Structures are given as C-alpha cells and as structure tokens.
Protein backbone atom coordinates (compact mmCIF):
# COMPACT_ATOMS: atom_id res chain seq x y z
CA MET A 1 20.14 11.58 4.84
CA SER A 2 17.89 13.60 7.11
CA ALA A 3 15.93 16.80 6.79
CA THR A 4 13.50 18.46 9.16
CA SER A 5 10.79 18.25 6.51
CA ILE A 6 10.52 16.51 3.14
CA LEU A 7 7.83 17.41 0.57
CA LEU A 8 6.93 15.00 -2.10
CA ARG A 9 5.31 17.08 -4.79
CA ASN A 10 2.86 16.16 -7.61
CA ALA A 11 2.91 12.37 -7.10
CA THR A 12 0.49 9.44 -7.36
CA ILE A 13 -0.04 8.59 -3.80
CA LEU A 14 -1.42 5.27 -2.67
CA VAL A 15 -3.79 5.77 0.35
CA PRO A 16 -6.50 3.73 2.17
CA ASP A 17 -9.96 3.76 0.42
CA PRO A 18 -12.20 5.91 2.65
CA THR A 19 -15.13 3.76 1.53
CA GLU A 20 -13.30 0.56 2.54
CA HIS A 21 -14.31 -1.10 -0.67
CA LYS A 22 -10.75 -1.42 -1.75
CA PRO A 23 -7.51 -1.75 0.39
CA VAL A 24 -5.96 1.16 -1.44
CA VAL A 25 -6.81 3.91 -3.92
CA SER A 26 -4.66 6.36 -5.93
CA LEU A 27 -4.50 10.14 -5.44
CA ARG A 28 -3.09 11.56 -8.62
CA GLY A 29 -1.30 14.94 -8.73
CA HIS A 30 -1.12 15.12 -4.92
CA SER A 31 1.62 16.07 -2.47
CA LEU A 32 2.73 14.60 0.83
CA LEU A 33 4.52 16.46 3.58
CA VAL A 34 6.88 14.68 6.08
CA GLU A 35 7.83 16.67 9.20
CA GLY A 36 10.08 15.00 11.68
CA ASN A 37 9.37 11.28 11.51
CA LYS A 38 5.69 11.54 10.65
CA ILE A 39 3.46 12.25 7.75
CA ALA A 40 2.07 15.73 8.37
CA ARG A 41 -0.27 16.29 5.53
CA ILE A 42 -1.49 14.75 2.21
CA ALA A 43 -3.26 17.24 -0.10
CA ALA A 44 -3.63 18.33 -3.72
CA HIS A 45 -1.23 21.20 -3.06
CA ILE A 46 1.14 21.87 -0.21
CA ASP A 47 3.60 24.64 0.13
CA ALA A 48 6.99 23.98 1.52
CA PRO A 49 6.93 24.95 5.24
CA SER A 50 10.48 26.48 5.09
CA ASP A 51 13.40 27.13 2.86
CA LYS A 52 15.10 24.19 4.49
CA THR A 53 12.42 21.71 3.38
CA LEU A 54 13.75 19.12 0.93
CA VAL A 55 11.44 19.25 -2.04
CA ILE A 56 11.32 16.08 -4.28
CA ASP A 57 9.54 16.47 -7.65
CA CYS A 58 7.46 13.36 -7.89
CA THR A 59 5.98 13.95 -11.31
CA GLY A 60 5.54 10.50 -12.88
CA LYS A 61 6.33 8.84 -9.49
CA ILE A 62 4.30 6.46 -7.38
CA VAL A 63 4.38 6.98 -3.60
CA SER A 64 3.63 3.79 -1.68
CA PRO A 65 3.66 2.75 1.87
CA GLY A 66 6.91 1.03 2.91
CA PHE A 67 6.71 -2.69 2.81
CA ILE A 68 6.46 -4.73 5.99
CA ASP A 69 8.38 -8.10 6.12
CA THR A 70 7.16 -10.19 9.04
CA HIS A 71 9.52 -13.16 8.91
CA HIS A 72 13.19 -12.92 8.04
CA HIS A 73 16.48 -14.54 9.23
CA VAL A 74 18.49 -11.40 8.55
CA TRP A 75 21.90 -12.63 9.76
CA GLN A 76 22.27 -15.18 6.86
CA THR A 77 23.67 -12.78 4.19
CA GLN A 78 27.04 -14.66 3.89
CA LEU A 79 25.14 -17.83 2.99
CA LYS A 80 23.33 -16.33 -0.04
CA GLY A 81 23.13 -18.53 -3.06
CA ARG A 82 23.69 -21.96 -1.37
CA HIS A 83 20.14 -23.11 -1.02
CA ALA A 84 18.83 -22.77 -4.62
CA ASP A 85 18.10 -26.48 -4.87
CA HIS A 86 17.62 -27.30 -1.18
CA THR A 87 14.71 -28.78 0.71
CA LEU A 88 14.08 -27.78 4.31
CA LEU A 89 16.14 -30.82 5.47
CA GLU A 90 19.06 -29.71 3.33
CA TYR A 91 18.78 -26.17 4.44
CA VAL A 92 19.12 -27.11 8.18
CA PRO A 93 22.79 -28.06 8.26
CA THR A 94 23.89 -25.70 5.42
CA GLY A 95 21.93 -22.69 6.63
CA ASN A 96 20.24 -22.80 9.98
CA MET A 97 23.05 -24.52 11.79
CA GLN A 98 25.81 -22.48 10.22
CA SER A 99 25.40 -19.85 12.87
CA PHE A 100 27.78 -22.19 14.76
CA ASN A 101 30.60 -20.92 12.37
CA TYR A 102 29.73 -17.17 12.90
CA ILE A 103 31.77 -15.15 15.25
CA PRO A 104 29.95 -11.96 16.64
CA GLU A 105 31.63 -9.80 13.94
CA ASP A 106 30.18 -12.03 11.25
CA ILE A 107 26.78 -11.56 12.73
CA PHE A 108 27.29 -7.82 12.60
CA TRP A 109 28.07 -7.83 8.83
CA GLY A 110 25.40 -10.50 8.09
CA GLU A 111 22.70 -8.37 9.79
CA LEU A 112 23.93 -5.09 8.29
CA GLY A 113 24.00 -6.63 4.82
CA GLY A 114 20.63 -8.24 5.19
CA CYS A 115 18.98 -4.95 6.44
CA LEU A 116 20.45 -2.95 3.61
CA GLU A 117 19.34 -5.50 1.02
CA ALA A 118 15.84 -5.21 2.34
CA LEU A 119 15.88 -1.39 2.44
CA ASN A 120 17.17 -1.49 -1.20
CA ALA A 121 14.09 -3.49 -2.13
CA GLY A 122 11.67 -1.13 -0.37
CA THR A 123 11.22 -2.97 2.92
CA THR A 124 10.96 -0.45 5.72
CA THR A 125 10.05 -2.80 8.58
CA VAL A 126 11.29 -6.19 9.24
CA VAL A 127 10.55 -8.89 11.93
CA ASP A 128 13.95 -10.46 12.37
CA HIS A 129 13.66 -14.06 13.71
CA ALA A 130 17.27 -13.95 14.93
CA HIS A 131 18.17 -17.66 15.48
CA MET A 132 21.81 -17.31 15.82
CA ASN A 133 22.16 -17.04 19.57
CA TYR A 134 25.56 -18.62 20.50
CA SER A 135 26.72 -15.81 22.94
CA PRO A 136 25.44 -12.53 24.32
CA ALA A 137 27.75 -10.73 21.94
CA HIS A 138 26.02 -12.30 18.94
CA ASN A 139 22.89 -10.45 19.90
CA THR A 140 24.32 -7.08 20.84
CA ASN A 141 26.34 -6.95 17.62
CA ALA A 142 23.27 -7.89 15.69
CA ILE A 143 21.13 -5.12 17.26
CA ALA A 144 24.05 -2.67 16.58
CA ALA A 145 23.99 -3.55 12.90
CA VAL A 146 20.25 -3.32 12.70
CA ALA A 147 20.25 0.14 14.40
CA SER A 148 23.09 1.29 12.05
CA SER A 149 21.23 0.26 8.91
CA GLY A 150 18.35 2.71 9.23
CA ILE A 151 15.61 0.08 9.01
CA ARG A 152 12.63 -0.31 11.32
CA SER A 153 12.89 -3.75 13.05
CA THR A 154 11.25 -5.90 15.65
CA PHE A 155 14.40 -7.88 16.51
CA CYS A 156 13.08 -11.20 17.88
CA TYR A 157 15.62 -12.67 20.21
CA ALA A 158 15.81 -16.44 19.61
CA PRO A 159 17.07 -18.93 22.11
CA THR A 160 18.58 -21.11 19.49
CA THR A 161 19.00 -24.76 19.06
CA ARG A 162 22.77 -24.81 19.22
CA VAL A 163 25.11 -27.29 17.61
CA LYS A 164 27.30 -28.92 20.38
CA GLU A 165 29.63 -30.73 18.03
CA TRP A 166 29.66 -31.81 14.31
CA GLU A 167 31.97 -34.89 14.71
CA PRO A 168 31.72 -37.85 14.84
CA GLU A 169 28.03 -36.85 14.25
CA ILE A 170 25.87 -33.84 14.78
CA THR A 171 24.78 -33.36 18.35
CA VAL A 172 22.86 -30.53 19.74
CA ASN A 173 23.16 -28.72 23.10
CA THR A 174 20.32 -29.92 25.23
CA GLU A 175 20.31 -26.69 27.24
CA PHE A 176 17.58 -25.22 25.02
CA LEU A 177 16.97 -22.24 27.25
CA PRO A 178 20.17 -21.23 29.10
CA SER A 179 19.78 -18.85 31.98
CA TRP A 180 22.00 -16.21 30.34
CA ALA A 181 19.61 -16.05 27.30
CA VAL A 182 16.55 -15.51 29.41
CA GLU A 183 18.34 -12.74 31.42
CA GLN A 184 19.63 -11.14 28.29
CA VAL A 185 16.40 -11.00 26.31
CA GLU A 186 14.65 -9.62 29.23
CA GLN A 187 17.20 -6.90 29.76
CA LEU A 188 17.31 -6.05 26.02
CA ILE A 189 13.59 -5.67 25.81
CA LYS A 190 13.52 -3.33 28.84
CA ALA A 191 16.41 -1.25 27.56
CA GLY A 192 14.89 -0.71 24.12
CA PRO A 193 14.03 0.75 21.81
CA TYR A 194 17.26 1.41 19.93
CA GLY A 195 18.26 3.36 16.86
CA ASP A 196 16.22 6.47 17.31
CA GLY A 197 13.32 4.36 18.33
CA ARG A 198 13.19 2.21 15.23
CA VAL A 199 14.43 -1.06 16.77
CA SER A 200 12.49 -2.88 19.47
CA VAL A 201 13.20 -6.37 20.85
CA GLY A 202 10.75 -9.22 20.89
CA LEU A 203 10.99 -13.00 21.31
CA ALA A 204 11.32 -15.84 18.78
CA PHE A 205 10.76 -19.19 20.39
CA ASP A 206 10.41 -22.66 19.00
CA ALA A 207 11.13 -24.87 21.97
CA LEU A 208 7.52 -25.32 22.93
CA PHE A 209 8.30 -28.89 23.78
CA LEU A 210 9.77 -27.71 27.10
CA PRO A 211 7.76 -28.00 30.30
CA LYS A 212 4.81 -25.69 30.49
CA GLU A 213 6.06 -23.81 33.53
CA ILE A 214 9.29 -22.94 31.73
CA VAL A 215 7.50 -21.71 28.54
CA THR A 216 4.92 -19.64 30.55
CA ASP A 217 7.57 -18.05 32.70
CA LEU A 218 9.50 -17.00 29.67
CA TYR A 219 6.47 -15.52 27.83
CA GLN A 220 5.43 -13.70 31.05
CA ARG A 221 8.89 -12.19 31.70
CA CYS A 222 9.17 -10.98 28.02
CA ARG A 223 5.61 -9.46 28.07
CA GLN A 224 6.17 -7.72 31.38
CA ALA A 225 9.45 -6.37 30.10
CA GLY A 226 7.60 -4.81 27.11
CA ALA A 227 7.83 -7.33 24.12
CA LYS A 228 5.20 -6.58 21.57
CA VAL A 229 5.86 -9.63 19.28
CA ILE A 230 6.42 -13.32 20.07
CA THR A 231 7.01 -15.34 17.00
CA THR A 232 7.20 -19.07 16.37
CA HIS A 233 7.85 -21.36 13.34
CA TYR A 234 4.81 -23.59 12.74
CA CYS A 235 4.19 -26.20 9.99
CA ARG A 236 1.41 -28.26 11.25
CA GLY A 237 2.10 -31.99 11.35
CA GLN A 238 0.40 -34.46 13.79
CA ASN A 239 0.54 -31.92 16.64
CA SER A 240 -0.86 -28.46 16.77
CA ILE A 241 1.23 -25.56 18.28
CA VAL A 242 -2.06 -23.73 18.50
CA ASP A 243 -3.21 -26.39 21.11
CA VAL A 244 0.03 -25.86 23.01
CA LEU A 245 -0.18 -22.08 23.03
CA GLU A 246 -3.86 -22.15 24.10
CA GLY A 247 -3.31 -24.92 26.67
CA HIS A 248 -0.56 -22.92 28.23
CA GLY A 249 -2.67 -19.74 28.29
CA VAL A 250 -0.19 -17.67 26.18
CA LEU A 251 -2.07 -17.41 22.91
CA GLY A 252 -2.85 -13.74 22.18
CA PRO A 253 -2.61 -10.74 19.78
CA ASP A 254 1.12 -10.57 20.10
CA ILE A 255 1.66 -14.11 18.81
CA LEU A 256 2.97 -14.30 15.17
CA LEU A 257 3.16 -17.68 13.54
CA SER A 258 5.53 -18.07 10.65
CA HIS A 259 4.25 -20.26 7.82
CA ALA A 260 1.27 -21.91 9.70
CA THR A 261 0.92 -24.16 6.67
CA ASN A 262 -1.61 -27.12 6.76
CA LEU A 263 -3.65 -25.41 9.39
CA THR A 264 -6.90 -27.10 10.50
CA ASP A 265 -10.12 -25.03 10.47
CA SER A 266 -9.91 -25.19 14.25
CA ASP A 267 -6.34 -23.81 14.26
CA ALA A 268 -7.44 -20.92 11.94
CA LYS A 269 -10.49 -20.07 13.99
CA ARG A 270 -8.67 -19.95 17.31
CA LEU A 271 -5.88 -17.81 15.85
CA THR A 272 -8.32 -15.39 14.24
CA ASP A 273 -10.31 -15.22 17.54
CA ALA A 274 -7.10 -14.38 19.46
CA LYS A 275 -6.14 -11.77 16.80
CA ALA A 276 -2.85 -13.45 16.37
CA GLY A 277 -0.79 -13.01 13.18
CA ILE A 278 0.44 -15.32 10.45
CA SER A 279 3.42 -14.76 8.23
CA SER A 280 3.47 -16.60 4.84
CA THR A 281 6.74 -16.95 2.90
CA PRO A 282 5.76 -18.25 -0.61
CA ASP A 283 9.28 -18.76 -1.88
CA THR A 284 10.51 -21.08 0.88
CA GLU A 285 7.20 -22.64 1.56
CA ILE A 286 6.71 -23.75 -2.02
CA GLN A 287 10.39 -24.76 -2.67
CA MET A 288 11.37 -26.38 0.58
CA GLY A 289 8.24 -28.52 1.08
CA LEU A 290 6.79 -26.64 4.03
CA GLY A 291 3.25 -26.76 2.71
CA TYR A 292 1.10 -24.31 0.68
CA PRO A 293 0.91 -20.54 1.74
CA VAL A 294 -2.22 -19.97 3.78
CA CYS A 295 -2.33 -16.18 3.37
CA PHE A 296 -5.24 -16.26 0.86
CA ARG A 297 -7.48 -18.63 2.77
CA GLU A 298 -10.78 -17.08 3.60
CA ASP A 299 -10.39 -18.10 7.27
CA THR A 300 -6.87 -16.68 7.64
CA LYS A 301 -6.42 -13.85 5.26
CA SER A 302 -7.60 -11.28 7.72
CA ILE A 303 -4.61 -12.13 10.05
CA SER A 304 -2.08 -12.87 7.37
CA SER A 305 1.05 -11.07 6.15
CA LEU A 306 4.12 -11.77 4.17
CA GLY A 307 7.78 -12.47 4.90
CA ILE A 308 11.04 -13.37 3.11
CA ASP A 309 12.26 -16.16 5.43
CA CYS A 310 15.79 -16.83 4.30
CA HIS A 311 17.51 -14.33 2.00
CA SER A 312 20.27 -17.05 1.72
CA ASN A 313 17.68 -18.76 -0.41
CA ASN A 314 15.83 -15.91 -2.21
CA GLY A 315 16.07 -12.23 -2.57
CA SER A 316 14.69 -9.75 -0.05
CA SER A 317 12.05 -8.21 -2.27
CA LEU A 318 8.65 -8.43 -0.61
CA ILE A 319 7.13 -7.42 -4.02
CA ASN A 320 8.51 -10.75 -5.27
CA GLN A 321 6.71 -12.54 -2.51
CA MET A 322 3.58 -10.74 -3.40
CA ARG A 323 3.92 -11.72 -7.04
CA LEU A 324 4.75 -15.33 -6.46
CA GLY A 325 2.12 -15.88 -3.72
CA LEU A 326 -0.63 -14.15 -5.87
CA GLN A 327 0.12 -16.04 -9.13
CA ALA A 328 0.58 -19.36 -7.36
CA GLU A 329 -2.75 -19.05 -5.57
CA ARG A 330 -4.44 -17.91 -8.85
CA GLY A 331 -2.96 -20.99 -10.59
CA LEU A 332 -4.14 -23.24 -7.75
CA ARG A 333 -7.72 -21.95 -8.05
CA ASN A 334 -7.61 -21.99 -11.85
CA SER A 335 -6.45 -25.56 -11.84
CA ALA A 336 -9.36 -26.59 -9.53
CA LEU A 337 -11.81 -25.18 -12.11
CA ILE A 338 -10.02 -26.78 -15.16
CA GLU A 339 -10.07 -30.18 -13.34
CA ALA A 340 -13.78 -29.74 -12.90
CA GLY A 341 -14.19 -29.20 -16.67
CA LYS A 342 -14.67 -25.45 -16.40
CA ALA A 343 -12.77 -22.28 -17.17
CA PRO A 344 -12.38 -19.18 -14.94
CA LYS A 345 -14.56 -16.31 -16.07
CA HIS A 346 -13.08 -13.82 -13.53
CA LEU A 347 -10.10 -13.98 -11.24
CA SER A 348 -11.21 -14.40 -7.57
CA LEU A 349 -8.04 -12.72 -6.23
CA SER A 350 -6.80 -9.08 -6.93
CA VAL A 351 -3.52 -7.37 -6.88
CA ARG A 352 -4.89 -5.07 -4.10
CA GLU A 353 -5.45 -8.06 -1.80
CA VAL A 354 -1.75 -9.11 -1.96
CA PHE A 355 -0.63 -5.45 -1.74
CA ARG A 356 -2.52 -5.28 1.51
CA LEU A 357 -0.71 -8.32 2.94
CA GLY A 358 2.68 -6.65 2.27
CA THR A 359 1.61 -3.29 3.89
CA ILE A 360 -1.12 -2.77 6.33
CA GLY A 361 -1.52 -6.55 6.90
CA GLY A 362 2.10 -6.75 8.02
CA ALA A 363 1.52 -3.79 10.31
CA ARG A 364 -1.52 -5.49 11.87
CA ALA A 365 0.42 -8.70 12.41
CA ILE A 366 2.95 -6.78 14.60
CA GLY A 367 0.38 -4.65 16.39
CA MET A 368 1.45 -1.34 14.70
CA GLU A 369 -1.41 -0.75 12.23
CA ASP A 370 -2.08 2.56 13.92
CA GLN A 371 1.49 3.66 13.12
CA LEU A 372 2.56 1.92 9.91
CA GLY A 373 1.33 0.18 6.83
CA SER A 374 -0.58 3.03 5.05
CA LEU A 375 0.06 6.56 4.09
CA GLU A 376 -2.07 8.62 6.40
CA GLU A 377 -1.59 11.80 8.24
CA GLY A 378 -0.16 11.25 11.73
CA LYS A 379 1.50 7.91 10.85
CA LEU A 380 5.24 7.31 10.73
CA ALA A 381 6.89 8.34 7.64
CA ASP A 382 7.95 5.04 6.00
CA ILE A 383 7.63 5.62 2.29
CA VAL A 384 8.78 4.11 -1.00
CA ILE A 385 8.92 6.10 -4.21
CA PHE A 386 8.64 4.27 -7.56
CA ASP A 387 9.74 5.63 -11.05
CA GLY A 388 6.45 5.24 -12.99
CA LEU A 389 8.20 6.26 -16.17
CA SER A 390 10.82 3.47 -16.11
CA PRO A 391 10.91 0.97 -18.91
CA GLY A 392 9.17 -1.61 -16.66
CA MET A 393 6.44 0.65 -15.20
CA ILE A 394 5.64 2.97 -18.07
CA CYS A 395 1.96 2.95 -18.97
CA ALA A 396 1.21 0.42 -16.23
CA SER A 397 1.55 3.23 -13.67
CA GLU A 398 -1.02 5.25 -15.60
CA GLU A 399 -3.44 2.28 -15.94
CA ASP A 400 -3.23 0.93 -12.38
CA PRO A 401 -0.34 1.99 -10.01
CA VAL A 402 -0.95 -0.96 -7.63
CA ALA A 403 -0.76 -3.45 -10.58
CA ALA A 404 2.37 -1.55 -11.71
CA ILE A 405 4.05 -2.23 -8.41
CA VAL A 406 2.89 -5.82 -7.77
CA LEU A 407 3.29 -7.16 -11.33
CA HIS A 408 5.65 -4.81 -13.28
CA SER A 409 8.21 -3.31 -10.93
CA SER A 410 11.64 -4.38 -10.09
CA ILE A 411 14.08 -3.04 -7.42
CA ALA A 412 15.59 -0.92 -10.09
CA ASP A 413 12.36 1.16 -10.10
CA ILE A 414 12.63 2.02 -6.46
CA GLU A 415 14.07 5.51 -6.55
CA THR A 416 13.73 6.59 -2.89
CA VAL A 417 13.13 4.90 0.45
CA ILE A 418 12.31 6.80 3.61
CA VAL A 419 12.21 5.32 7.11
CA ASN A 420 11.20 7.29 10.13
CA GLY A 421 11.38 10.46 8.10
CA LYS A 422 15.03 9.83 6.98
CA ILE A 423 16.02 9.04 3.47
CA VAL A 424 17.92 5.63 3.23
CA LYS A 425 17.83 5.29 -0.57
CA GLN A 426 18.06 8.20 -3.01
CA ARG A 427 18.30 8.35 -6.73
CA GLY A 428 18.23 4.61 -6.88
CA SER A 429 21.18 4.09 -4.54
CA LEU A 430 21.58 3.31 -0.81
CA VAL A 431 22.91 6.25 1.16
CA PRO A 432 25.98 5.74 3.35
CA VAL A 433 25.39 4.30 6.82
CA ASP A 434 26.70 5.78 10.01
CA LEU A 435 27.61 2.90 12.32
CA ASP A 436 26.15 2.91 15.81
CA LEU A 437 28.46 0.83 17.83
CA SER A 438 27.17 1.77 21.21
CA MET A 439 26.13 -1.82 21.88
CA SER A 440 29.18 -3.42 20.27
CA ASP A 441 32.77 -3.78 21.23
CA LEU A 442 33.82 -3.96 17.60
CA LYS A 443 36.18 -1.29 16.33
CA PHE A 444 36.48 -0.13 12.71
CA ALA A 445 38.80 2.23 10.90
CA LYS A 446 35.90 4.24 9.71
CA THR A 447 32.21 4.46 10.88
CA ARG A 448 30.63 5.90 7.75
CA LEU A 449 30.23 3.30 5.17
CA GLU A 450 29.25 3.15 1.54
CA TRP A 451 27.64 -0.10 0.31
CA SER A 452 30.81 -1.00 -1.38
CA ASP A 453 32.56 -0.95 2.01
CA VAL A 454 29.90 -3.23 3.49
CA ALA A 455 30.19 -5.51 0.48
CA GLN A 456 33.94 -6.00 0.96
CA GLU A 457 33.49 -6.83 4.63
CA LEU A 458 30.77 -9.41 3.64
CA LEU A 459 33.09 -11.15 1.21
CA ARG A 460 35.81 -11.30 3.94
CA SER A 461 33.26 -12.55 6.52
CA ARG A 462 31.88 -15.15 4.10
CA GLN A 463 35.35 -16.56 3.63
CA ARG A 464 35.83 -16.85 7.48
CA VAL A 465 32.49 -18.67 7.69
CA ILE A 466 33.47 -21.10 4.90
CA ASP A 467 36.91 -21.78 6.47
CA ALA A 468 35.23 -22.42 9.83
CA GLY A 469 32.81 -24.73 8.23
CA LYS A 470 35.53 -26.76 6.63
CA LYS A 471 36.99 -27.34 10.06
CA SER A 472 33.67 -28.09 11.79
CA TRP A 473 31.69 -30.19 9.36
CA GLY A 474 33.71 -30.33 6.13
CA GLY A 475 30.74 -30.09 3.78
CA ASP A 476 29.69 -33.76 3.74
CA MET A 477 26.07 -33.25 2.95
CA GLU A 478 24.90 -36.97 3.30
CA LYS A 479 26.56 -37.19 6.71
CA ALA A 480 25.07 -33.92 7.71
CA LEU A 481 21.57 -35.11 6.59
CA ASP A 482 21.97 -38.23 8.56
CA GLY A 483 23.01 -36.32 11.65
CA VAL A 484 20.14 -33.86 11.44
CA SER A 485 17.67 -36.72 10.97
CA LYS A 486 19.01 -38.45 14.14
CA ALA A 487 19.27 -35.21 16.15
CA PHE A 488 15.60 -34.36 15.40
CA HIS A 489 14.27 -37.87 15.36
CA ILE A 490 13.16 -37.77 11.74
CA ASP A 491 11.99 -41.08 10.28
CA ALA A 492 14.14 -41.63 7.16
CA SER A 493 11.40 -43.87 5.67
CA ASN A 494 9.21 -40.63 5.33
CA LEU A 495 11.84 -38.93 3.13
CA ALA A 496 11.50 -39.18 -0.64
C-alpha cells in the first residue's frame, strides 16, 4: 500500500540521543511525517500536509526504526523445520547443499516467502547471502522475488560450491568460480538497483582458497561495477581469513564477515581499523557449534550487527536474535563472576546496546548509516509500529519502550511495517504483493498475491524439493555426513 504522505500521530518515537549518552531515547506524544520514501519531519505536533495524507493514530504505539538483518540465506523457506537438532555438519547436506534440488521457480518462492517472513517480523533491510547459484536463472528469479516482496535488500550473489553428484558419494564441482557467474554478477551489479531502488546487488564469496589473482580480480570487478557489500562466512580455525583479505589487499569498509567467531585480538583490531563489519547470528552460532557470538566484545562491538542466518533453522525475528544474544552474553558474564565466588551487582550490558546492533549497527555494517538504522529527518522511511497496549507490551511500553521491544514483544505486537515509504504490513497482516517479473521468465495466473497464495505455492514447491531429494540423495544422513567430511577434508577423529 502506498500514499504520497503518511502521518504517524501521537506516538512514542525512538530516536537517536542527541547527547550520544544512549543509543536511543523516547519522544512521547510526538508525530512523524513520511513524504515520498523519506522521513520529512518529527515533532510534537504536525498537521497533515494534504487531505490525501494517510493519518495513522499511534496513541499507545511505539514507532521504531526498521530492523536490519545483515546475514540471511533467504532462499531456504522450503527447508524450514528440518534443522532443529542439527549441527553445522548435519546442516550442510540437508540445508546448504539442497539448492541442488531447487529449480529456478523454487528459488523464486523460497526467496519471496523468506522476505515476507522477515517483513512480518519487522525486518526492513536484509543482506541476502544467496548461496544457491546453480544457473543464471536461479539468480534472476531470486532478485525478481526480492523486488516483489517490498523489502530492502543487498542481494549478495554467491558463486556457490555446487554438488556435482550425490551417488555413489557426494562430489562437488571443482569449477568454484565459473566464467558465467563472474559475468552475471558484474552485469547484475551494474544494472541495479531493482525494485524502486530497494534492491542492490553485492557479492558473497567464500572461495578465498583460490589463487590470489583470481580473488583480487573478482573483488576489483565487483567494486568497479558498484557493489557496496562483499560478505564472507568466517569461523576462525587454524587460519585467518583476515590474513588472507589483508594479504590480498582487499580488506576494506565494504567487507562484511558473517559470524567471525573465535577472533584473535589481531583479527579484531585489523577489522576495526579497516572499518569492516561483522554479523553475529546467535541462534545458529550457539546451536550449531560455530563458536560464541562476538558482537558484545569490547574490541568488536563497534563494527558488529545481527543476522538470522538460516530461517530453515530458526525464525526470522531479529528481535529474537537480540534477546537470545543479550541474555546469553549476560549469562556468560554472570557465570564468570559466580565462578570467581562473586555475584553481579549490576548488569554490564543494556537492552539499548543490543537494540543498536539490530538497527544503526546493521546500517553501519552495510555502509548505509546515513540513510537507515534510525528515525531522523531526511532518512529513508523504514519504520516499524508496535502496539504498546498489547497483552505482552502493556505497562512495559510505559516503563521503557526499548525494553518492551527487546524483552517483551512478539511478532503479533507488530501492527505496521513501512519500507521506503510504503506500507507492507498493516493492522497486523501482510499486505498483498504485486509480482515484479521483469527479470523472470516465470508466468503465473495472477500477479497480485495474498500471503495465503504464497503459502500454497511454498507447500507445492516444498514437495517438489523433497521429491527431487529422494532421487538425488535419498535422505541417508550417515552416508551424506561421510560424503561431506570427505569432500571438505574434515578429520572424522575431531568429531564428537
């Protein structure tokens, strides 16, 4: 839904602290005016600029910046629910490698469903690490879905480690960077942005083991084409990706490392000095054995942000990641005191610090802090409105609106979501999406879809993926784990 202007009247509005003593403060009884795709004014009283202005009574509501998710594999919607008890090793064949079984249409529905799930949860911007690159059509259909959804996205094109065959054992295609992928990512970056300017293309690249000249040429081509984000998975083992990036001369402020667990002090300093970014994903990092989230470390918190990672494993609420990350870190610090025979007098970590990670911290990680991440005049209108009078948020919203969001809210409390000045969720429900198929050769009977339409397509697509999986690998987990271990040279003696 779009209007030339939207007036949010009589709200509690979360804005940056002008004294910079806190990441955010509350303006009670204030109004916010959206004109076009930007925030035009925030004041105690604002008159509607025209009789066509959409006026929303926000009495009892909290108006928050939209949340920014800096690491998400959005295509995986059809796989939701299958990783609840999985480690990273178990996830690889049952999740990561299942893109082998996706046709381009499956990618379209997976991406659309993932984006809509994120919007429903208040995420207005996502960094999509799109590691499902089996053909050019996989990527163009993905971008078409993202553009259709209404979300703001940095779609990070990922030259993918592709399965060559599953039988008699898993083997991967050793052409890790095919020429068609290099040409396509460069072209897609240049041709963007897409979806009314909301969707830009970046690079996701994990094959840093390739020769230096190949890596540096790819980075140079993508940067010259206009990529603003280059993202890489990193869980530090014996070797340092920071060493590689620095040695290749490509470490810079557009680098975004996902996880970055087990960082050395040297790694942290060099990343901070380079003004690079880190995306912590507490759910998967804690569950799957990736290491402990680093987003609250003193030497990394200034460059940190939060991500979902796999919504096949956990939901797309960034607030849940805030809550889990905050309380896990508090527990870790409190345990250290208890083990030393002491008890905590005060908590050393506040809800405002984790709220910052999910808002302006995410914007900074993708180089958009001057446009996103906080509610300020002149910034893009990416906004979330919470019902402060709901059963979950009542009283908490009066005591501390930030605490109400971080520790008391649920997705049901999110009444309205605005992206780029357009309403994408209203009265607690997603608005219909108008499909933008300009980049896709897919044809559908109708191009305006309710969520229920998307849900039915996802169920059909899920069954196609399951049927394809039965033919390709048959679901033999132990055989798959053995194949993954061999393909990636994992020492079985190190597994427990």
